Amino acid sequence: MAEAEGENREEIVVEKKSKRNRKKQKTENPSQKEETQERKQNGEGKPQQQNQVAGGDHPAQNNNGGSSSSKKRKQREAFPFGNYRNYYGYRIGQELDEDPRLKVLKREWFEGKDCLDIGCNSGIITIHIAKKYNCRSILGVDIDTARISDAYWHLRKFSREHSGSSSTNVSKEEVKEKLKASKQIAHVVPGDDEEIKKEASFSEKRNLFDVVSFRQENFVDSRHSHEKQYDTILCLSVAKWIHLNWGDDGLITLFSKVWKLLVPGGTFILEPQPWDSYKKNYQVSKTAAENYRNIMFPPESFREILLDKIGFRSVEDLTAGLTGSKTGFNRPIFAFHK
């Protein structure tokens, strides 16, 4: 009996070794390696989450599926600079075609203008502004290399869709229908024809890669010299993260650099997070917690600082026209004019 049990154990051990060897041979199959390398060369691989500026597939996909180790990493993952993945997905939800903030922006601030988007995250609103308002150029900068990688993925995606739509020539009537829906009117008045032509012409004449670009940059600490000034600079839901990570000094540095980079008559579009939002996020890091305790300039004082200290001549409150934002993102938006 004992001898039979010993033989069974030996058989189980041998079987396990055999399975491990087969698995090892399978994973080390050179033909599979060649296939994997070929797929990566063809751009079918998934992007790295870090240290990759451009390339790969959709960033939301995960090679590890539902493994427990993947879930643990997600639970430990923190975003001390507000550099969330898929930020726009849960900010505006899936039921909206575009970010509600686009509706309060004026075409005159962007059309034919050079623009800068500070804290662009995955670049979706940057790209939408370029398409909707026909910028001459727009640069999106973000502190996180992985988010810049996401932004270039979205740029390629939008560019492919853009090329497809231009090949079928988006008609004036299609654009007119979209414009009617967005304005919630029964007809388009004659003055709207010019706006319709501008929206339709972008897909026919311009390549998004000629207009939109992205760069990894810590805007506050960066010594990178911008080669030009800008007509319009955006800073949407970013001020809090600069404030928590670099304190009041960082906030003033942000405002001062924006002023210097704007052309005379330029526009600074600011969406500051309210103080309640600071309270929810200050524990994201020790640095943020320390700066939070020492903040002397709450968001309510930004308007006064920009007008009286930095030197902006006027401000427009765009908040009244903002509708459709998800709960928790009903934030004021201001346009400061130099």
C-alpha atoms as a PDB file:
ATOM      1  CA  MET A   1       0.000   0.000   0.000  1.00  0.00           C
ATOM      2  CA  ALA A   2       2.770   2.393   0.982  1.00  0.00           C
ATOM      3  CA  GLU A   3       4.637   1.487  -2.164  1.00  0.00           C
ATOM      4  CA  ALA A   4       1.543   2.288  -4.282  1.00  0.00           C
ATOM      5  CA  GLU A   5       1.105   5.691  -2.604  1.00  0.00           C
ATOM      6  CA  GLY A   6       4.784   6.461  -3.187  1.00  0.00           C
ATOM      7  CA  GLU A   7       4.433   5.582  -6.853  1.00  0.00           C
ATOM      8  CA  ASN A   8       1.359   7.857  -7.157  1.00  0.00           C
ATOM      9  CA  ARG A   9       3.235  10.816  -5.635  1.00  0.00           C
ATOM     10  CA  GLU A  10       6.101  10.224  -8.038  1.00  0.00           C
ATOM     11  CA  GLU A  11       3.676  10.177 -10.952  1.00  0.00           C
ATOM     12  CA  ILE A  12       2.094  13.488  -9.805  1.00  0.00           C
ATOM     13  CA  VAL A  13       5.534  15.107  -9.439  1.00  0.00           C
ATOM     14  CA  VAL A  14       6.586  13.869 -12.868  1.00  0.00           C
ATOM     15  CA  GLU A  15       3.301  15.089 -14.400  1.00  0.00           C
ATOM     16  CA  LYS A  16       3.697  18.579 -12.833  1.00  0.00           C
ATOM     17  CA  LYS A  17       7.285  18.816 -14.095  1.00  0.00           C
ATOM     18  CA  SER A  18       6.131  17.737 -17.532  1.00  0.00           C
ATOM     19  CA  LYS A  19       3.411  20.442 -17.571  1.00  0.00           C
ATOM     20  CA  ARG A  20       5.889  23.108 -16.461  1.00  0.00           C
ATOM     21  CA  ASN A  21       8.297  22.056 -19.188  1.00  0.00           C
ATOM     22  CA  ARG A  22       5.573  22.159 -21.828  1.00  0.00           C
ATOM     23  CA  LYS A  23       4.463  25.591 -20.607  1.00  0.00           C
ATOM     24  CA  LYS A  24       8.045  26.823 -20.662  1.00  0.00           C
ATOM     25  CA  GLN A  25       8.576  25.516 -24.186  1.00  0.00           C
ATOM     26  CA  LYS A  26       5.334  27.150 -25.282  1.00  0.00           C
ATOM     27  CA  THR A  27       6.252  30.560 -23.873  1.00  0.00           C
ATOM     28  CA  GLU A  28       9.706  30.357 -25.368  1.00  0.00           C
ATOM     29  CA  ASN A  29       8.494  29.381 -28.833  1.00  0.00           C
ATOM     30  CA  PRO A  30      10.606  31.517 -31.192  1.00  0.00           C
ATOM     31  CA  SER A  31       7.855  31.762 -33.811  1.00  0.00           C
ATOM     32  CA  GLN A  32       5.590  33.425 -31.229  1.00  0.00           C
ATOM     33  CA  LYS A  33       8.338  35.868 -30.324  1.00  0.00           C
ATOM     34  CA  GLU A  34       8.750  36.807 -33.964  1.00  0.00           C
ATOM     35  CA  GLU A  35       4.983  37.276 -34.298  1.00  0.00           C
ATOM     36  CA  THR A  36       4.862  39.494 -31.212  1.00  0.00           C
ATOM     37  CA  GLN A  37       7.749  41.623 -32.468  1.00  0.00           C
ATOM     38  CA  GLU A  38       6.076  41.957 -35.865  1.00  0.00           C
ATOM     39  CA  ARG A  39       2.807  43.100 -34.247  1.00  0.00           C
ATOM     40  CA  LYS A  40       4.651  45.719 -32.217  1.00  0.00           C
ATOM     41  CA  GLN A  41       6.366  47.006 -35.348  1.00  0.00           C
ATOM     42  CA  ASN A  42       2.983  47.292 -37.039  1.00  0.00           C
ATOM     43  CA  GLY A  43       1.638  49.379 -34.149  1.00  0.00           C
ATOM     44  CA  GLU A  44      -0.685  46.686 -32.843  1.00  0.00           C
ATOM     45  CA  GLY A  45       0.884  46.457 -29.425  1.00  0.00           C
ATOM     46  CA  LYS A  46      -0.479  48.211 -26.345  1.00  0.00           C
ATOM     47  CA  PRO A  47       1.292  51.335 -25.055  1.00  0.00           C
ATOM     48  CA  GLN A  48       3.495  51.461 -22.041  1.00  0.00           C
ATOM     49  CA  GLN A  49       2.088  53.466 -19.196  1.00  0.00           C
ATOM     50  CA  GLN A  50       5.351  55.254 -18.476  1.00  0.00           C
ATOM     51  CA  ASN A  51       8.198  56.861 -20.409  1.00  0.00           C
ATOM     52  CA  GLN A  52       6.510  56.692 -23.795  1.00  0.00           C
ATOM     53  CA  VAL A  53       5.710  59.878 -25.664  1.00  0.00           C
ATOM     54  CA  ALA A  54       3.890  58.421 -28.641  1.00  0.00           C
ATOM     55  CA  GLY A  55       2.822  55.030 -29.898  1.00  0.00           C
ATOM     56  CA  GLY A  56       0.803  51.958 -29.196  1.00  0.00           C
ATOM     57  CA  ASP A  57      -2.838  51.160 -28.785  1.00  0.00           C
ATOM     58  CA  HIS A  58      -5.578  52.451 -26.529  1.00  0.00           C
ATOM     59  CA  PRO A  59      -4.141  53.275 -23.069  1.00  0.00           C
ATOM     60  CA  ALA A  60      -7.155  52.002 -21.155  1.00  0.00           C
ATOM     61  CA  GLN A  61      -6.458  48.390 -22.092  1.00  0.00           C
ATOM     62  CA  ASN A  62      -4.636  46.156 -19.624  1.00  0.00           C
ATOM     63  CA  ASN A  63      -2.435  43.172 -20.446  1.00  0.00           C
ATOM     64  CA  ASN A  64      -3.058  41.526 -17.075  1.00  0.00           C
ATOM     65  CA  GLY A  65      -6.829  41.293 -17.425  1.00  0.00           C
ATOM     66  CA  GLY A  66      -8.487  40.806 -14.066  1.00  0.00           C
ATOM     67  CA  SER A  67      -5.502  39.417 -12.168  1.00  0.00           C
ATOM     68  CA  SER A  68      -5.286  40.127  -8.454  1.00  0.00           C
ATOM     69  CA  SER A  69      -1.817  41.676  -8.796  1.00  0.00           C
ATOM     70  CA  SER A  70      -3.209  44.161 -11.347  1.00  0.00           C
ATOM     71  CA  LYS A  71      -6.048  45.130  -8.994  1.00  0.00           C
ATOM     72  CA  LYS A  72      -3.605  45.662  -6.122  1.00  0.00           C
ATOM     73  CA  ARG A  73      -1.463  47.934  -8.272  1.00  0.00           C
ATOM     74  CA  LYS A  74      -4.531  49.970  -9.230  1.00  0.00           C
ATOM     75  CA  GLN A  75      -5.514  50.348  -5.583  1.00  0.00           C
ATOM     76  CA  ARG A  76      -2.037  51.598  -4.683  1.00  0.00           C
ATOM     77  CA  GLU A  77      -1.799  53.876  -7.696  1.00  0.00           C
ATOM     78  CA  ALA A  78      -1.991  57.584  -6.849  1.00  0.00           C
ATOM     79  CA  PHE A  79      -2.164  60.649  -9.063  1.00  0.00           C
ATOM     80  CA  PRO A  80      -0.619  63.484  -7.033  1.00  0.00           C
ATOM     81  CA  PHE A  81      -0.743  65.904  -9.971  1.00  0.00           C
ATOM     82  CA  GLY A  82      -4.321  65.140 -10.987  1.00  0.00           C
ATOM     83  CA  ASN A  83      -2.945  63.141 -13.908  1.00  0.00           C
ATOM     84  CA  TYR A  84      -5.800  60.628 -13.921  1.00  0.00           C
ATOM     85  CA  ARG A  85      -6.185  58.109 -16.716  1.00  0.00           C
ATOM     86  CA  ASN A  86      -9.467  58.399 -18.637  1.00  0.00           C
ATOM     87  CA  TYR A  87     -10.182  61.702 -16.863  1.00  0.00           C
ATOM     88  CA  TYR A  88     -12.552  62.979 -19.538  1.00  0.00           C
ATOM     89  CA  GLY A  89     -14.499  59.719 -19.531  1.00  0.00           C
ATOM     90  CA  TYR A  90     -15.800  60.173 -16.007  1.00  0.00           C
ATOM     91  CA  ARG A  91     -15.823  63.963 -16.132  1.00  0.00           C
ATOM     92  CA  ILE A  92     -18.320  64.340 -18.985  1.00  0.00           C
ATOM     93  CA  GLY A  93     -19.725  60.803 -19.094  1.00  0.00           C
ATOM     94  CA  GLN A  94     -20.570  58.728 -22.131  1.00  0.00           C
ATOM     95  CA  GLU A  95     -23.882  60.406 -22.895  1.00  0.00           C
ATOM     96  CA  LEU A  96     -22.346  63.659 -24.176  1.00  0.00           C
ATOM     97  CA  ASP A  97     -20.749  64.171 -27.586  1.00  0.00           C
ATOM     98  CA  GLU A  98     -18.416  66.940 -26.441  1.00  0.00           C
ATOM     99  CA  ASP A  99     -17.126  68.613 -23.310  1.00  0.00           C
ATOM    100  CA  PRO A 100     -19.731  71.173 -22.076  1.00  0.00           C
ATOM    101  CA  ARG A 101     -16.948  73.716 -21.490  1.00  0.00           C
ATOM    102  CA  LEU A 102     -16.453  74.064 -25.234  1.00  0.00           C
ATOM    103  CA  LYS A 103     -19.835  75.777 -25.491  1.00  0.00           C
ATOM    104  CA  VAL A 104     -18.769  78.801 -23.432  1.00  0.00           C
ATOM    105  CA  LEU A 105     -15.542  79.421 -25.358  1.00  0.00           C
ATOM    106  CA  LYS A 106     -15.538  82.067 -28.085  1.00  0.00           C
ATOM    107  CA  ARG A 107     -14.332  81.333 -31.590  1.00  0.00           C
ATOM    108  CA  GLU A 108     -12.469  84.652 -31.732  1.00  0.00           C
ATOM    109  CA  TRP A 109     -10.091  83.445 -29.011  1.00  0.00           C
ATOM    110  CA  PHE A 110      -8.928  80.497 -31.129  1.00  0.00           C
ATOM    111  CA  GLU A 111      -9.579  80.881 -34.840  1.00  0.00           C
ATOM    112  CA  GLY A 112      -6.305  81.483 -36.645  1.00  0.00           C
ATOM    113  CA  LYS A 113      -4.575  81.850 -33.262  1.00  0.00           C
ATOM    114  CA  ASP A 114      -1.634  80.181 -31.507  1.00  0.00           C
ATOM    115  CA  CYS A 115      -2.840  78.501 -28.323  1.00  0.00           C
ATOM    116  CA  LEU A 116      -1.422  76.683 -25.279  1.00  0.00           C
ATOM    117  CA  ASP A 117      -3.238  74.152 -23.075  1.00  0.00           C
ATOM    118  CA  ILE A 118      -1.579  73.733 -19.652  1.00  0.00           C
ATOM    119  CA  GLY A 119      -2.259  70.339 -18.038  1.00  0.00           C
ATOM    120  CA  CYS A 120      -3.763  68.817 -21.175  1.00  0.00           C
ATOM    121  CA  ASN A 121      -4.023  65.290 -19.694  1.00  0.00           C
ATOM    122  CA  SER A 122      -4.950  62.894 -22.515  1.00  0.00           C
ATOM    123  CA  GLY A 123      -5.413  65.753 -24.992  1.00  0.00           C
ATOM    124  CA  ILE A 124      -9.078  65.252 -25.846  1.00  0.00           C
ATOM    125  CA  ILE A 125     -10.256  68.814 -25.209  1.00  0.00           C
ATOM    126  CA  THR A 126      -7.082  70.157 -26.864  1.00  0.00           C
ATOM    127  CA  ILE A 127      -7.934  68.269 -30.053  1.00  0.00           C
ATOM    128  CA  HIS A 128     -11.603  69.241 -29.925  1.00  0.00           C
ATOM    129  CA  ILE A 129     -10.681  72.932 -29.633  1.00  0.00           C
ATOM    130  CA  ALA A 130      -8.387  72.630 -32.655  1.00  0.00           C
ATOM    131  CA  LYS A 131     -11.151  71.026 -34.725  1.00  0.00           C
ATOM    132  CA  LYS A 132     -14.073  73.124 -33.529  1.00  0.00           C
ATOM    133  CA  TYR A 133     -12.420  76.547 -33.584  1.00  0.00           C
ATOM    134  CA  ASN A 134      -9.820  76.131 -36.332  1.00  0.00           C
ATOM    135  CA  CYS A 135      -6.692  77.143 -34.393  1.00  0.00           C
ATOM    136  CA  ARG A 136      -3.542  78.002 -36.291  1.00  0.00           C
ATOM    137  CA  SER A 137      -1.672  75.920 -33.710  1.00  0.00           C
ATOM    138  CA  ILE A 138      -2.286  74.484 -30.258  1.00  0.00           C
ATOM    139  CA  LEU A 139       0.287  72.921 -27.932  1.00  0.00           C
ATOM    140  CA  GLY A 140      -0.777  70.734 -25.020  1.00  0.00           C
ATOM    141  CA  VAL A 141       1.666  70.252 -22.137  1.00  0.00           C
ATOM    142  CA  ASP A 142       1.361  67.874 -19.200  1.00  0.00           C
ATOM    143  CA  ILE A 143       3.670  66.785 -16.398  1.00  0.00           C
ATOM    144  CA  ASP A 144       2.968  63.074 -16.982  1.00  0.00           C
ATOM    145  CA  THR A 145       4.748  61.313 -19.836  1.00  0.00           C
ATOM    146  CA  ALA A 146       2.076  58.593 -19.867  1.00  0.00           C
ATOM    147  CA  ARG A 147      -0.691  61.150 -20.394  1.00  0.00           C
ATOM    148  CA  ILE A 148       1.260  62.659 -23.296  1.00  0.00           C
ATOM    149  CA  SER A 149       1.471  59.168 -24.770  1.00  0.00           C
ATOM    150  CA  ASP A 150      -2.313  58.922 -24.404  1.00  0.00           C
ATOM    151  CA  ALA A 151      -2.701  62.326 -26.057  1.00  0.00           C
ATOM    152  CA  TYR A 152      -0.728  61.244 -29.117  1.00  0.00           C
ATOM    153  CA  TRP A 153      -2.809  58.065 -29.287  1.00  0.00           C
ATOM    154  CA  HIS A 154      -5.969  60.186 -29.342  1.00  0.00           C
ATOM    155  CA  LEU A 155      -4.434  62.515 -31.941  1.00  0.00           C
ATOM    156  CA  ARG A 156      -3.758  59.574 -34.255  1.00  0.00           C
ATOM    157  CA  LYS A 157      -7.283  58.252 -33.625  1.00  0.00           C
ATOM    158  CA  PHE A 158      -8.946  61.594 -34.357  1.00  0.00           C
ATOM    159  CA  SER A 159      -6.686  62.101 -37.353  1.00  0.00           C
ATOM    160  CA  ARG A 160      -7.704  58.741 -38.852  1.00  0.00           C
ATOM    161  CA  GLU A 161     -11.390  59.542 -38.309  1.00  0.00           C
ATOM    162  CA  HIS A 162     -10.739  62.999 -39.683  1.00  0.00           C
ATOM    163  CA  SER A 163      -9.140  61.598 -42.844  1.00  0.00           C
ATOM    164  CA  GLY A 164     -12.036  59.210 -43.309  1.00  0.00           C
ATOM    165  CA  SER A 165     -14.599  61.984 -42.985  1.00  0.00           C
ATOM    166  CA  SER A 166     -12.714  64.230 -45.386  1.00  0.00           C
ATOM    167  CA  SER A 167     -12.650  61.456 -47.997  1.00  0.00           C
ATOM    168  CA  THR A 168     -16.445  61.378 -47.898  1.00  0.00           C
ATOM    169  CA  ASN A 169     -16.568  65.180 -47.792  1.00  0.00           C
ATOM    170  CA  VAL A 170     -18.680  66.204 -44.808  1.00  0.00           C
ATOM    171  CA  SER A 171     -21.506  68.153 -46.353  1.00  0.00           C
ATOM    172  CA  LYS A 172     -22.599  71.626 -45.432  1.00  0.00           C
ATOM    173  CA  GLU A 173     -26.036  70.242 -44.589  1.00  0.00           C
ATOM    174  CA  GLU A 174     -24.559  67.743 -42.075  1.00  0.00           C
ATOM    175  CA  VAL A 175     -22.695  70.522 -40.292  1.00  0.00           C
ATOM    176  CA  LYS A 176     -25.824  72.674 -40.392  1.00  0.00           C
ATOM    177  CA  GLU A 177     -27.825  69.929 -38.649  1.00  0.00           C
ATOM    178  CA  LYS A 178     -25.197  69.653 -35.894  1.00  0.00           C
ATOM    179  CA  LEU A 179     -25.192  73.417 -35.473  1.00  0.00           C
ATOM    180  CA  LYS A 180     -28.983  73.513 -35.239  1.00  0.00           C
ATOM    181  CA  ALA A 181     -28.942  70.841 -32.538  1.00  0.00           C
ATOM    182  CA  SER A 182     -26.241  72.586 -30.514  1.00  0.00           C
ATOM    183  CA  LYS A 183     -28.074  75.912 -30.638  1.00  0.00           C
ATOM    184  CA  GLN A 184     -31.480  74.273 -30.068  1.00  0.00           C
ATOM    185  CA  ILE A 185     -33.134  76.329 -32.764  1.00  0.00           C
ATOM    186  CA  ALA A 186     -35.584  75.391 -35.480  1.00  0.00           C
ATOM    187  CA  HIS A 187     -33.682  77.056 -38.305  1.00  0.00           C
ATOM    188  CA  VAL A 188     -30.288  78.576 -39.054  1.00  0.00           C
ATOM    189  CA  VAL A 189     -30.267  82.299 -39.604  1.00  0.00           C
ATOM    190  CA  PRO A 190     -28.227  83.706 -42.527  1.00  0.00           C
ATOM    191  CA  GLY A 191     -25.426  84.871 -40.247  1.00  0.00           C
ATOM    192  CA  ASP A 192     -24.705  81.273 -39.286  1.00  0.00           C
ATOM    193  CA  ASP A 193     -23.648  80.279 -42.803  1.00  0.00           C
ATOM    194  CA  GLU A 194     -20.139  81.586 -42.252  1.00  0.00           C
ATOM    195  CA  GLU A 195     -19.744  79.511 -39.090  1.00  0.00           C
ATOM    196  CA  ILE A 196     -21.021  76.425 -40.924  1.00  0.00           C
ATOM    197  CA  LYS A 197     -18.478  76.899 -43.695  1.00  0.00           C
ATOM    198  CA  LYS A 198     -15.636  77.223 -41.177  1.00  0.00           C
ATOM    199  CA  GLU A 199     -16.543  73.994 -39.361  1.00  0.00           C
ATOM    200  CA  ALA A 200     -16.962  72.068 -42.617  1.00  0.00           C
ATOM    201  CA  SER A 201     -13.761  73.384 -44.190  1.00  0.00           C
ATOM    202  CA  PHE A 202     -11.404  72.195 -41.461  1.00  0.00           C
ATOM    203  CA  SER A 203     -11.746  68.505 -42.348  1.00  0.00           C
ATOM    204  CA  GLU A 204     -11.242  69.305 -46.012  1.00  0.00           C
ATOM    205  CA  LYS A 205      -8.130  71.468 -45.785  1.00  0.00           C
ATOM    206  CA  ARG A 206      -6.110  70.774 -42.642  1.00  0.00           C
ATOM    207  CA  ASN A 207      -4.269  67.880 -41.092  1.00  0.00           C
ATOM    208  CA  LEU A 208      -4.597  67.695 -37.314  1.00  0.00           C
ATOM    209  CA  PHE A 209      -0.887  66.866 -36.987  1.00  0.00           C
ATOM    210  CA  ASP A 210      -0.099  70.238 -38.573  1.00  0.00           C
ATOM    211  CA  VAL A 211      -2.137  72.014 -35.902  1.00  0.00           C
ATOM    212  CA  VAL A 212      -1.953  69.981 -32.673  1.00  0.00           C
ATOM    213  CA  SER A 213       1.178  68.949 -30.778  1.00  0.00           C
ATOM    214  CA  PHE A 214       1.914  67.701 -27.267  1.00  0.00           C
ATOM    215  CA  ARG A 215       4.922  67.876 -24.965  1.00  0.00           C
ATOM    216  CA  GLN A 216       5.815  66.546 -21.522  1.00  0.00           C
ATOM    217  CA  GLU A 217       6.602  69.540 -19.336  1.00  0.00           C
ATOM    218  CA  ASN A 218       6.412  70.614 -15.715  1.00  0.00           C
ATOM    219  CA  PHE A 219       5.086  74.073 -16.499  1.00  0.00           C
ATOM    220  CA  VAL A 220       5.873  75.568 -13.084  1.00  0.00           C
ATOM    221  CA  ASP A 221       9.436  74.267 -12.681  1.00  0.00           C
ATOM    222  CA  SER A 222      10.352  73.964 -16.344  1.00  0.00           C
ATOM    223  CA  ARG A 223      13.271  75.956 -17.671  1.00  0.00           C
ATOM    224  CA  HIS A 224      12.140  75.122 -21.173  1.00  0.00           C
ATOM    225  CA  SER A 225      11.927  78.322 -23.163  1.00  0.00           C
ATOM    226  CA  HIS A 226       8.799  78.592 -25.272  1.00  0.00           C
ATOM    227  CA  GLU A 227       9.755  79.740 -28.740  1.00  0.00           C
ATOM    228  CA  LYS A 228       6.783  82.052 -29.129  1.00  0.00           C
ATOM    229  CA  GLN A 229       4.002  83.854 -27.336  1.00  0.00           C
ATOM    230  CA  TYR A 230       0.413  82.708 -27.463  1.00  0.00           C
ATOM    231  CA  ASP A 231      -2.895  84.386 -28.242  1.00  0.00           C
ATOM    232  CA  THR A 232      -4.837  82.146 -25.866  1.00  0.00           C
ATOM    233  CA  ILE A 233      -3.743  80.013 -22.908  1.00  0.00           C
ATOM    234  CA  LEU A 234      -6.004  77.508 -21.152  1.00  0.00           C
ATOM    235  CA  CYS A 235      -5.650  76.168 -17.628  1.00  0.00           C
ATOM    236  CA  LEU A 236      -8.678  73.966 -16.972  1.00  0.00           C
ATOM    237  CA  SER A 237      -9.002  72.230 -13.585  1.00  0.00           C
ATOM    238  CA  VAL A 238      -5.228  72.343 -13.077  1.00  0.00           C
ATOM    239  CA  ALA A 239      -4.654  75.256 -10.646  1.00  0.00           C
ATOM    240  CA  LYS A 240      -5.494  73.153  -7.565  1.00  0.00           C
ATOM    241  CA  TRP A 241      -2.863  70.548  -8.382  1.00  0.00           C
ATOM    242  CA  ILE A 242      -0.197  73.192  -8.929  1.00  0.00           C
ATOM    243  CA  HIS A 243      -1.286  74.874  -5.698  1.00  0.00           C
ATOM    244  CA  LEU A 244      -1.129  71.664  -3.647  1.00  0.00           C
ATOM    245  CA  ASN A 245       2.227  70.555  -5.059  1.00  0.00           C
ATOM    246  CA  TRP A 246       4.057  73.899  -5.185  1.00  0.00           C
ATOM    247  CA  GLY A 247       2.108  76.049  -2.757  1.00  0.00           C
ATOM    248  CA  ASP A 248       1.326  79.745  -3.124  1.00  0.00           C
ATOM    249  CA  ASP A 249       4.703  80.357  -4.777  1.00  0.00           C
ATOM    250  CA  GLY A 250       3.865  77.812  -7.462  1.00  0.00           C
ATOM    251  CA  LEU A 251       0.492  79.409  -8.091  1.00  0.00           C
ATOM    252  CA  ILE A 252       2.026  82.872  -8.522  1.00  0.00           C
ATOM    253  CA  THR A 253       4.683  81.367 -10.810  1.00  0.00           C
ATOM    254  CA  LEU A 254       1.895  79.859 -12.945  1.00  0.00           C
ATOM    255  CA  PHE A 255       0.076  83.177 -13.263  1.00  0.00           C
ATOM    256  CA  SER A 256       3.281  85.136 -13.941  1.00  0.00           C
ATOM    257  CA  LYS A 257       4.478  82.733 -16.657  1.00  0.00           C
ATOM    258  CA  VAL A 258       1.081  82.816 -18.337  1.00  0.00           C
ATOM    259  CA  TRP A 259       1.204  86.628 -18.379  1.00  0.00           C
ATOM    260  CA  LYS A 260       4.650  86.632 -19.978  1.00  0.00           C
ATOM    261  CA  LEU A 261       3.679  84.063 -22.611  1.00  0.00           C
ATOM    262  CA  LEU A 262       0.532  85.914 -23.695  1.00  0.00           C
ATOM    263  CA  VAL A 263       0.637  88.440 -26.514  1.00  0.00           C
ATOM    264  CA  PRO A 264      -0.835  91.889 -25.748  1.00  0.00           C
ATOM    265  CA  GLY A 265      -4.599  91.502 -25.914  1.00  0.00           C
ATOM    266  CA  GLY A 266      -4.293  87.751 -25.311  1.00  0.00           C
ATOM    267  CA  THR A 267      -6.750  85.675 -23.284  1.00  0.00           C
ATOM    268  CA  PHE A 268      -6.144  83.427 -20.271  1.00  0.00           C
ATOM    269  CA  ILE A 269      -8.972  80.923 -19.693  1.00  0.00           C
ATOM    270  CA  LEU A 270      -8.937  79.644 -16.113  1.00  0.00           C
ATOM    271  CA  GLU A 271     -11.129  77.001 -14.502  1.00  0.00           C
ATOM    272  CA  PRO A 272     -10.155  76.972 -10.805  1.00  0.00           C
ATOM    273  CA  GLN A 273     -11.290  74.162  -8.542  1.00  0.00           C
ATOM    274  CA  PRO A 274     -13.219  75.292  -5.432  1.00  0.00           C
ATOM    275  CA  TRP A 275     -11.742  75.028  -1.948  1.00  0.00           C
ATOM    276  CA  ASP A 276     -13.952  72.019  -1.146  1.00  0.00           C
ATOM    277  CA  SER A 277     -12.085  70.149  -3.885  1.00  0.00           C
ATOM    278  CA  TYR A 278      -8.786  70.916  -2.131  1.00  0.00           C
ATOM    279  CA  LYS A 279     -10.157  69.347   1.041  1.00  0.00           C
ATOM    280  CA  LYS A 280     -10.887  66.116  -0.811  1.00  0.00           C
ATOM    281  CA  ASN A 281      -7.424  65.756  -2.348  1.00  0.00           C
ATOM    282  CA  TYR A 282      -4.819  67.312  -0.058  1.00  0.00           C
ATOM    283  CA  GLN A 283      -3.913  63.934   1.450  1.00  0.00           C
ATOM    284  CA  VAL A 284      -2.723  62.601  -1.897  1.00  0.00           C
ATOM    285  CA  SER A 285       0.879  63.191  -0.761  1.00  0.00           C
ATOM    286  CA  LYS A 286       2.875  64.580   2.161  1.00  0.00           C
ATOM    287  CA  THR A 287       3.894  67.558   0.047  1.00  0.00           C
ATOM    288  CA  ALA A 288       0.274  68.339  -0.812  1.00  0.00           C
ATOM    289  CA  ALA A 289      -0.798  68.026   2.826  1.00  0.00           C
ATOM    290  CA  GLU A 290       1.934  70.393   3.987  1.00  0.00           C
ATOM    291  CA  ASN A 291       1.215  72.967   1.294  1.00  0.00           C
ATOM    292  CA  TYR A 292      -2.515  72.735   2.003  1.00  0.00           C
ATOM    293  CA  ARG A 293      -1.944  73.785   5.615  1.00  0.00           C
ATOM    294  CA  ASN A 294       0.107  76.802   4.508  1.00  0.00           C
ATOM    295  CA  ILE A 295      -2.040  78.137   1.647  1.00  0.00           C
ATOM    296  CA  MET A 296      -2.756  81.853   2.008  1.00  0.00           C
ATOM    297  CA  PHE A 297      -4.407  82.402  -1.394  1.00  0.00           C
ATOM    298  CA  PRO A 298      -7.663  80.411  -1.655  1.00  0.00           C
ATOM    299  CA  PRO A 299      -9.364  80.089  -5.068  1.00  0.00           C
ATOM    300  CA  GLU A 300     -11.700  82.982  -4.213  1.00  0.00           C
ATOM    301  CA  SER A 301      -8.685  85.316  -4.310  1.00  0.00           C
ATOM    302  CA  PHE A 302      -7.410  84.277  -7.772  1.00  0.00           C
ATOM    303  CA  ARG A 303      -9.477  86.896  -9.575  1.00  0.00           C
ATOM    304  CA  GLU A 304      -8.087  89.718  -7.443  1.00  0.00           C
ATOM    305  CA  ILE A 305      -4.513  88.433  -7.792  1.00  0.00           C
ATOM    306  CA  LEU A 306      -4.725  88.197 -11.585  1.00  0.00           C
ATOM    307  CA  LEU A 307      -6.266  91.656 -11.968  1.00  0.00           C
ATOM    308  CA  ASP A 308      -4.481  93.653  -9.252  1.00  0.00           C
ATOM    309  CA  LYS A 309      -1.144  91.864  -8.869  1.00  0.00           C
ATOM    310  CA  ILE A 310      -0.395  90.165 -12.185  1.00  0.00           C
ATOM    311  CA  GLY A 311      -1.853  92.928 -14.360  1.00  0.00           C
ATOM    312  CA  PHE A 312      -4.736  91.556 -16.433  1.00  0.00           C
ATOM    313  CA  ARG A 313      -6.986  94.429 -17.529  1.00  0.00           C
ATOM    314  CA  SER A 314     -10.401  92.698 -17.470  1.00  0.00           C
ATOM    315  CA  VAL A 315     -12.211  89.427 -16.811  1.00  0.00           C
ATOM    316  CA  GLU A 316     -15.304  87.674 -18.173  1.00  0.00           C
ATOM    317  CA  ASP A 317     -17.239  85.184 -16.064  1.00  0.00           C
ATOM    318  CA  LEU A 318     -18.281  82.409 -18.455  1.00  0.00           C
ATOM    319  CA  THR A 319     -19.915  80.230 -15.805  1.00  0.00           C
ATOM    320  CA  ALA A 320     -23.510  81.259 -16.528  1.00  0.00           C
ATOM    321  CA  GLY A 321     -23.384  79.694 -19.982  1.00  0.00           C
ATOM    322  CA  LEU A 322     -22.042  76.370 -18.717  1.00  0.00           C
ATOM    323  CA  THR A 323     -24.628  73.583 -18.772  1.00  0.00           C
ATOM    324  CA  GLY A 324     -24.483  69.806 -18.929  1.00  0.00           C
ATOM    325  CA  SER A 325     -21.544  69.212 -16.566  1.00  0.00           C
ATOM    326  CA  LYS A 326     -21.644  66.123 -14.379  1.00  0.00           C
ATOM    327  CA  THR A 327     -22.229  66.517 -10.653  1.00  0.00           C
ATOM    328  CA  GLY A 328     -19.002  67.564  -8.946  1.00  0.00           C
ATOM    329  CA  PHE A 329     -17.661  69.403 -11.983  1.00  0.00           C
ATOM    330  CA  ASN A 330     -19.808  72.533 -11.860  1.00  0.00           C
ATOM    331  CA  ARG A 331     -16.829  74.864 -11.657  1.00  0.00           C
ATOM    332  CA  PRO A 332     -16.495  78.529 -12.575  1.00  0.00           C
ATOM    333  CA  ILE A 333     -14.680  79.473 -15.758  1.00  0.00           C
ATOM    334  CA  PHE A 334     -13.102  82.893 -16.293  1.00  0.00           C
ATOM    335  CA  ALA A 335     -11.507  84.584 -19.288  1.00  0.00           C
ATOM    336  CA  PHE A 336      -8.837  87.124 -18.286  1.00  0.00           C
ATOM    337  CA  HIS A 337      -7.732  89.584 -20.955  1.00  0.00           C
ATOM    338  CA  LYS A 338      -4.230  91.029 -21.046  1.00  0.00           C
END
